[in-house]
Protein backbone atom coordinates (compact mmCIF):
# COMPACT_ATOMS: atom_id res chain seq x y z
CA UNK A 1 169.94 -47.78 87.28
CA UNK A 2 166.94 -49.37 89.02
CA UNK A 3 163.25 -49.48 88.38
CA UNK A 4 161.40 -47.32 90.89
CA UNK A 5 157.78 -48.21 91.67
CA UNK A 6 155.55 -46.72 94.30
CA UNK A 7 152.45 -48.04 96.08
CA UNK A 8 149.90 -45.28 96.60
CA UNK A 9 147.07 -45.79 99.08
CA UNK A 10 144.02 -43.64 99.74
CA UNK A 11 145.39 -42.87 103.20
CA UNK A 12 148.75 -41.72 101.82
CA UNK A 13 147.04 -39.36 99.35
CA UNK A 14 144.83 -37.81 102.01
CA UNK A 15 147.52 -37.56 104.69
CA UNK A 16 150.17 -36.02 102.42
CA UNK A 17 147.68 -33.53 101.01
CA UNK A 18 146.47 -32.58 104.49
CA UNK A 19 149.95 -32.08 105.93
CA UNK A 20 151.97 -30.80 102.94
CA UNK A 21 149.52 -29.78 100.20
CA UNK A 22 149.54 -30.49 96.49
CA UNK A 23 153.33 -30.20 96.25
CA UNK A 24 153.70 -33.47 98.18
CA UNK A 25 151.27 -35.18 95.80
CA UNK A 26 153.29 -33.97 92.82
CA UNK A 27 156.46 -35.39 94.40
CA UNK A 28 154.69 -38.71 94.95
CA UNK A 29 154.39 -39.14 91.18
CA UNK A 30 158.11 -39.11 90.43
CA UNK A 31 158.49 -42.91 90.20
CA UNK A 32 158.70 -45.08 87.08
CA UNK A 33 155.53 -47.06 87.89
CA UNK A 34 152.60 -46.83 90.27
CA UNK A 35 150.37 -49.31 92.05
CA UNK A 36 147.36 -47.57 93.52
CA UNK A 37 144.55 -48.61 95.80
CA UNK A 38 140.99 -48.47 94.48
CA UNK A 39 139.38 -45.15 95.40
CA UNK A 40 140.85 -41.67 95.50
CA UNK A 41 144.37 -43.06 94.99
CA UNK A 42 143.49 -44.67 91.66
CA UNK A 43 141.40 -41.67 90.60
CA UNK A 44 144.30 -39.30 91.27
CA UNK A 45 146.78 -41.64 89.55
CA UNK A 46 144.57 -41.89 86.46
CA UNK A 47 144.16 -38.11 86.30
CA UNK A 48 147.86 -37.37 86.77
CA UNK A 49 149.03 -39.94 84.24
CA UNK A 50 146.44 -39.16 81.59
CA UNK A 51 146.89 -35.38 81.65
CA UNK A 52 150.67 -35.16 81.63
CA UNK A 53 151.01 -32.93 84.70
CA UNK A 54 149.24 -29.83 83.34
CA UNK A 55 148.10 -27.06 85.66
CA UNK A 56 144.50 -28.05 84.96
CA UNK A 57 145.14 -31.66 85.96
CA UNK A 58 146.72 -30.60 89.27
CA UNK A 59 143.75 -28.31 89.93
CA UNK A 60 141.43 -31.25 89.29
CA UNK A 61 143.53 -33.47 91.59
CA UNK A 62 143.25 -30.86 94.34
CA UNK A 63 139.47 -30.78 93.95
CA UNK A 64 139.24 -34.57 93.97
CA UNK A 65 141.27 -34.92 97.17
CA UNK A 66 139.37 -32.13 98.92
CA UNK A 67 136.05 -33.81 98.01
CA UNK A 68 137.36 -37.14 99.28
CA UNK A 69 138.51 -35.63 102.59
CA UNK A 70 135.19 -33.83 103.05
CA UNK A 71 133.24 -37.07 102.47
CA UNK A 72 135.38 -38.76 105.12
CA UNK A 73 134.40 -36.22 107.82
């Protein structure tokens, strides 16, 4: 059995959310360890890992990503 780590960039977070919604973000966090870029990627990672995947934490993640995308426009 191997150790599965995943690099998460701001671009990956925004692109996956834009094309596939929050479900794709949830699937992104199925690894054993995460390395995230400073910005929305690290904010989302911190929220997901500190709140143990509750409905409220996923709602907050959705809001965070939407705010980030809107700032980018």
